């Protein structure tokens, strides 16, 4: 499978389970904070280890996340972050001329 296909398949899978993943991720606020940090900075080794621990727990509830636990699976984290990033949806649904809450 080509990398482009893998990325598309992973994104489609994450989108399919987006609501369930988001619900689970929001239960552990620490995980959401770490994930969103990846949108503007690199994750530390400690943060990657914490994410792996969280994803091990989450994979038991949402098997689609098991892909992140495979060797090299963390390469797909930016795709998951993109799917879970709620800031984009708030901006795109704000009425014209009005801005959403600043973060």
N, C-alpha and C. Protein backbone atom coordinates (compact mmCIF):
# COMPACT_ATOMS: atom_id res chain seq x y z
N UNK A 1 0.85 -1.18 0.00
CA UNK A 1 0.00 0.00 0.00
C UNK A 1 0.89 1.24 0.00
N UNK A 2 0.55 2.18 -0.81
CA UNK A 2 1.32 3.41 -0.90
C UNK A 2 1.01 4.30 0.30
N UNK A 3 1.95 5.16 0.62
CA UNK A 3 1.79 6.05 1.77
C UNK A 3 0.57 6.95 1.60
N UNK A 4 0.33 7.42 0.38
CA UNK A 4 -0.81 8.29 0.11
C UNK A 4 -2.12 7.54 0.40
N UNK A 5 -2.19 6.28 0.00
CA UNK A 5 -3.38 5.47 0.27
C UNK A 5 -3.56 5.23 1.76
N UNK A 6 -2.46 4.96 2.45
CA UNK A 6 -2.51 4.73 3.89
C UNK A 6 -3.05 5.97 4.61
N UNK A 7 -2.56 7.13 4.20
CA UNK A 7 -3.01 8.39 4.81
C UNK A 7 -4.50 8.58 4.57
N UNK A 8 -4.95 8.34 3.34
CA UNK A 8 -6.37 8.51 3.01
C UNK A 8 -7.23 7.52 3.78
N UNK A 9 -6.79 6.28 3.87
CA UNK A 9 -7.54 5.26 4.61
C UNK A 9 -7.60 5.59 6.10
N UNK A 10 -6.47 6.02 6.66
CA UNK A 10 -6.44 6.37 8.09
C UNK A 10 -7.36 7.55 8.36
N UNK A 11 -7.32 8.56 7.50
CA UNK A 11 -8.18 9.73 7.69
C UNK A 11 -9.65 9.33 7.60
N UNK A 12 -9.99 8.50 6.63
CA UNK A 12 -11.37 8.05 6.48
C UNK A 12 -11.83 7.28 7.71
N UNK A 13 -10.96 6.44 8.24
CA UNK A 13 -11.30 5.66 9.44
C UNK A 13 -11.48 6.58 10.64
N UNK A 14 -10.56 7.53 10.82
CA UNK A 14 -10.67 8.46 11.94
C UNK A 14 -11.94 9.30 11.81
N UNK A 15 -12.27 9.72 10.59
CA UNK A 15 -13.49 10.51 10.39
C UNK A 15 -14.74 9.68 10.71
N UNK A 16 -14.72 8.42 10.34
CA UNK A 16 -15.85 7.53 10.59
C UNK A 16 -16.12 7.41 12.10
N UNK A 17 -15.06 7.37 12.88
CA UNK A 17 -15.19 7.19 14.33
C UNK A 17 -14.92 8.49 15.10
N UNK A 18 -14.94 9.62 14.41
CA UNK A 18 -14.55 10.90 15.00
C UNK A 18 -15.28 11.20 16.31
N UNK A 19 -16.59 11.06 16.31
CA UNK A 19 -17.36 11.41 17.51
C UNK A 19 -16.99 10.54 18.71
N UNK A 20 -16.87 9.24 18.47
CA UNK A 20 -16.50 8.34 19.58
C UNK A 20 -15.08 8.62 20.06
N UNK A 21 -14.17 8.85 19.12
CA UNK A 21 -12.79 9.16 19.50
C UNK A 21 -12.75 10.45 20.30
N UNK A 22 -13.44 11.47 19.80
CA UNK A 22 -13.45 12.77 20.48
C UNK A 22 -14.02 12.65 21.89
N UNK A 23 -15.11 11.90 22.04
CA UNK A 23 -15.69 11.70 23.37
C UNK A 23 -14.67 11.08 24.33
N UNK A 24 -13.99 10.04 23.86
CA UNK A 24 -13.01 9.35 24.70
C UNK A 24 -11.81 10.24 25.01
N UNK A 25 -11.34 10.97 24.00
CA UNK A 25 -10.17 11.84 24.19
C UNK A 25 -10.49 12.97 25.16
N UNK A 26 -11.70 13.51 25.06
CA UNK A 26 -12.08 14.61 25.94
C UNK A 26 -12.22 14.18 27.40
N UNK A 27 -12.46 12.90 27.63
CA UNK A 27 -12.53 12.40 29.00
C UNK A 27 -11.18 12.51 29.70
N UNK A 28 -10.12 12.39 28.93
CA UNK A 28 -8.77 12.56 29.47
C UNK A 28 -8.20 13.87 28.94
N UNK A 29 -8.46 14.96 29.63
CA UNK A 29 -8.06 16.29 29.15
C UNK A 29 -6.57 16.38 28.85
N UNK A 30 -5.79 15.63 29.56
CA UNK A 30 -4.35 15.64 29.34
C UNK A 30 -4.02 15.20 27.91
N UNK A 31 -4.71 14.19 27.42
CA UNK A 31 -4.46 13.70 26.07
C UNK A 31 -4.81 14.76 25.04
N UNK A 32 -5.93 15.44 25.19
CA UNK A 32 -6.31 16.48 24.22
C UNK A 32 -5.29 17.60 24.21
N UNK A 33 -4.81 17.99 25.38
CA UNK A 33 -3.80 19.05 25.46
C UNK A 33 -2.54 18.64 24.71
N UNK A 34 -2.11 17.41 24.92
CA UNK A 34 -0.90 16.92 24.27
C UNK A 34 -1.12 16.84 22.76
N UNK A 35 -2.25 16.32 22.33
CA UNK A 35 -2.53 16.22 20.90
C UNK A 35 -2.52 17.59 20.23
N UNK A 36 -3.18 18.55 20.83
CA UNK A 36 -3.26 19.88 20.22
C UNK A 36 -1.92 20.60 20.25
N UNK A 37 -1.05 20.23 21.17
CA UNK A 37 0.29 20.82 21.19
C UNK A 37 1.00 20.50 19.87
N UNK A 38 0.69 19.32 19.33
CA UNK A 38 1.32 18.90 18.08
C UNK A 38 0.97 19.76 16.89
N UNK A 39 -0.01 20.65 17.01
CA UNK A 39 -0.34 21.53 15.90
C UNK A 39 0.64 22.69 15.78
N UNK A 40 1.42 22.95 16.83
CA UNK A 40 2.35 24.08 16.78
C UNK A 40 3.73 23.79 17.36
N UNK A 41 3.94 22.62 17.89
CA UNK A 41 5.25 22.27 18.44
C UNK A 41 5.46 20.76 18.36
N UNK A 42 6.69 20.37 18.55
CA UNK A 42 7.01 18.93 18.52
C UNK A 42 6.70 18.33 19.89
N UNK A 43 6.28 17.06 19.85
CA UNK A 43 6.02 16.34 21.09
C UNK A 43 7.34 15.86 21.69
N UNK A 44 7.43 15.87 23.02
CA UNK A 44 8.61 15.34 23.70
C UNK A 44 8.46 13.82 23.82
N UNK A 45 9.54 13.17 24.19
CA UNK A 45 9.49 11.72 24.40
C UNK A 45 8.49 11.35 25.48
N UNK A 46 8.41 12.15 26.55
CA UNK A 46 7.46 11.89 27.62
C UNK A 46 6.03 12.01 27.12
N UNK A 47 5.76 13.02 26.29
CA UNK A 47 4.42 13.20 25.75
C UNK A 47 4.04 12.05 24.81
N UNK A 48 4.99 11.61 24.00
CA UNK A 48 4.72 10.47 23.12
C UNK A 48 4.41 9.21 23.94
N UNK A 49 5.15 9.02 25.02
CA UNK A 49 4.90 7.86 25.90
C UNK A 49 3.51 7.97 26.55
N UNK A 50 3.14 9.17 26.98
CA UNK A 50 1.83 9.38 27.59
C UNK A 50 0.73 9.12 26.57
N UNK A 51 0.93 9.58 25.33
CA UNK A 51 -0.07 9.35 24.28
C UNK A 51 -0.23 7.87 24.00
N UNK A 52 0.90 7.16 23.97
CA UNK A 52 0.84 5.72 23.71
C UNK A 52 0.04 5.01 24.80
N UNK A 53 0.24 5.44 26.04
CA UNK A 53 -0.51 4.87 27.17
C UNK A 53 -2.00 5.14 27.00
N UNK A 54 -2.35 6.38 26.67
CA UNK A 54 -3.75 6.74 26.46
C UNK A 54 -4.35 5.95 25.30
N UNK A 55 -3.60 5.83 24.20
CA UNK A 55 -4.12 5.14 23.02
C UNK A 55 -4.25 3.64 23.26
N UNK A 56 -3.43 3.09 24.12
CA UNK A 56 -3.58 1.67 24.47
C UNK A 56 -4.93 1.47 25.15
N UNK A 57 -5.26 2.37 26.05
CA UNK A 57 -6.56 2.31 26.74
C UNK A 57 -7.69 2.55 25.75
N UNK A 58 -7.53 3.55 24.89
CA UNK A 58 -8.58 3.88 23.93
C UNK A 58 -8.79 2.79 22.89
N UNK A 59 -7.73 2.11 22.50
CA UNK A 59 -7.82 1.06 21.48
C UNK A 59 -8.69 -0.10 21.96
N UNK A 60 -8.76 -0.28 23.26
CA UNK A 60 -9.63 -1.33 23.80
C UNK A 60 -11.10 -0.98 23.60
N UNK A 61 -11.41 0.32 23.59
CA UNK A 61 -12.79 0.78 23.40
C UNK A 61 -13.11 1.06 21.93
N UNK A 62 -12.12 1.55 21.20
CA UNK A 62 -12.32 1.90 19.79
C UNK A 62 -11.21 1.21 18.99
N UNK A 63 -11.46 0.01 18.50
CA UNK A 63 -10.42 -0.75 17.80
C UNK A 63 -9.76 -0.03 16.63
N UNK A 64 -10.43 0.93 16.04
CA UNK A 64 -9.84 1.68 14.91
C UNK A 64 -8.56 2.40 15.33
N UNK A 65 -8.42 2.69 16.62
CA UNK A 65 -7.22 3.38 17.09
C UNK A 65 -6.02 2.44 17.26
N UNK A 66 -6.24 1.15 17.11
CA UNK A 66 -5.14 0.18 17.23
C UNK A 66 -4.04 0.47 16.22
N UNK A 67 -4.38 1.07 15.10
CA UNK A 67 -3.39 1.39 14.07
C UNK A 67 -2.29 2.29 14.63
N UNK A 68 -2.62 3.12 15.62
CA UNK A 68 -1.63 4.02 16.21
C UNK A 68 -0.62 3.27 17.07
N UNK A 69 -0.97 2.06 17.50
CA UNK A 69 -0.09 1.29 18.37
C UNK A 69 0.86 0.39 17.59
N UNK A 70 0.63 0.25 16.29
CA UNK A 70 1.52 -0.55 15.47
C UNK A 70 2.85 0.15 15.31
N UNK A 71 3.92 -0.59 15.01
CA UNK A 71 5.20 0.08 14.78
C UNK A 71 5.06 1.14 13.68
N UNK A 72 5.47 2.34 14.00
CA UNK A 72 5.37 3.45 13.04
C UNK A 72 3.99 4.09 13.02
N UNK A 73 3.07 3.60 13.82
CA UNK A 73 1.71 4.13 13.82
C UNK A 73 1.60 5.56 14.30
N UNK A 74 2.56 5.99 15.11
CA UNK A 74 2.50 7.37 15.60
C UNK A 74 2.71 8.39 14.48
N UNK A 75 3.18 7.93 13.33
CA UNK A 75 3.32 8.81 12.16
C UNK A 75 1.94 9.33 11.74
N UNK A 76 0.89 8.60 12.09
CA UNK A 76 -0.46 8.98 11.72
C UNK A 76 -1.09 9.98 12.70
N UNK A 77 -0.39 10.32 13.77
CA UNK A 77 -0.94 11.26 14.75
C UNK A 77 -1.35 12.60 14.15
N UNK A 78 -0.54 13.19 13.26
CA UNK A 78 -0.98 14.47 12.69
C UNK A 78 -2.32 14.37 11.96
N UNK A 79 -2.61 13.22 11.38
CA UNK A 79 -3.90 13.03 10.71
C UNK A 79 -5.01 13.01 11.75
N UNK A 80 -4.78 12.29 12.85
CA UNK A 80 -5.77 12.24 13.92
C UNK A 80 -6.01 13.63 14.51
N UNK A 81 -4.94 14.38 14.70
CA UNK A 81 -5.05 15.74 15.24
C UNK A 81 -5.90 16.59 14.29
N UNK A 82 -5.65 16.47 13.00
CA UNK A 82 -6.41 17.24 12.00
C UNK A 82 -7.90 16.89 12.07
N UNK A 83 -8.21 15.62 12.23
CA UNK A 83 -9.60 15.17 12.30
C UNK A 83 -10.27 15.65 13.59
N UNK A 84 -9.54 15.64 14.69
CA UNK A 84 -10.12 16.02 15.98
C UNK A 84 -10.10 17.52 16.26
N UNK A 85 -9.36 18.28 15.47
CA UNK A 85 -9.22 19.72 15.72
C UNK A 85 -10.57 20.41 15.50
N UNK A 86 -11.18 20.83 16.58
CA UNK A 86 -12.50 21.44 16.52
C UNK A 86 -12.43 22.92 16.18
N UNK A 87 -11.26 23.52 16.21
CA UNK A 87 -11.14 24.95 15.90
C UNK A 87 -11.55 25.23 14.47
N UNK A 88 -11.21 24.36 13.55
CA UNK A 88 -11.57 24.56 12.15
C UNK A 88 -13.07 24.59 11.97
N UNK A 89 -13.78 23.66 12.60
CA UNK A 89 -15.22 23.59 12.42
C UNK A 89 -15.92 24.79 13.05
N UNK A 90 -15.40 25.31 14.15
CA UNK A 90 -16.00 26.50 14.76
C UNK A 90 -15.82 27.70 13.85
N UNK A 91 -14.65 27.84 13.24
CA UNK A 91 -14.40 28.98 12.35
C UNK A 91 -15.28 28.90 11.11
N UNK A 92 -15.42 27.71 10.56
CA UNK A 92 -16.18 27.57 9.33
C UNK A 92 -17.68 27.70 9.55
N UNK A 93 -18.17 27.51 10.78
CA UNK A 93 -19.61 27.59 11.04
C UNK A 93 -20.00 28.92 11.64
N UNK A 94 -19.04 29.81 11.91
CA UNK A 94 -19.36 31.12 12.47
C UNK A 94 -20.05 31.97 11.41
N UNK A 95 -21.10 32.73 11.80
CA UNK A 95 -21.78 33.60 10.83
C UNK A 95 -20.81 34.62 10.26
N UNK A 96 -21.07 35.04 9.03
CA UNK A 96 -20.20 36.01 8.36
C UNK A 96 -20.13 37.29 9.18
N UNK A 97 -18.95 37.82 9.32
CA UNK A 97 -18.74 39.06 10.05
C UNK A 97 -18.56 38.86 11.55
N UNK A 98 -18.83 37.66 12.04
CA UNK A 98 -18.66 37.39 13.46
C UNK A 98 -17.52 36.40 13.65
N UNK A 99 -16.78 36.57 14.68
CA UNK A 99 -15.69 35.67 14.97
C UNK A 99 -16.05 34.79 16.15
N UNK A 100 -15.54 33.55 16.13
CA UNK A 100 -15.77 32.64 17.24
C UNK A 100 -14.95 33.06 18.43
N UNK A 101 -15.09 32.37 19.55
CA UNK A 101 -14.29 32.71 20.74
C UNK A 101 -12.82 32.54 20.46
N UNK A 102 -12.04 33.48 20.91
CA UNK A 102 -10.59 33.37 20.70
C UNK A 102 -10.01 32.41 21.69
N UNK A 103 -8.94 31.72 21.25
CA UNK A 103 -8.33 30.70 22.11
C UNK A 103 -6.95 31.12 22.50
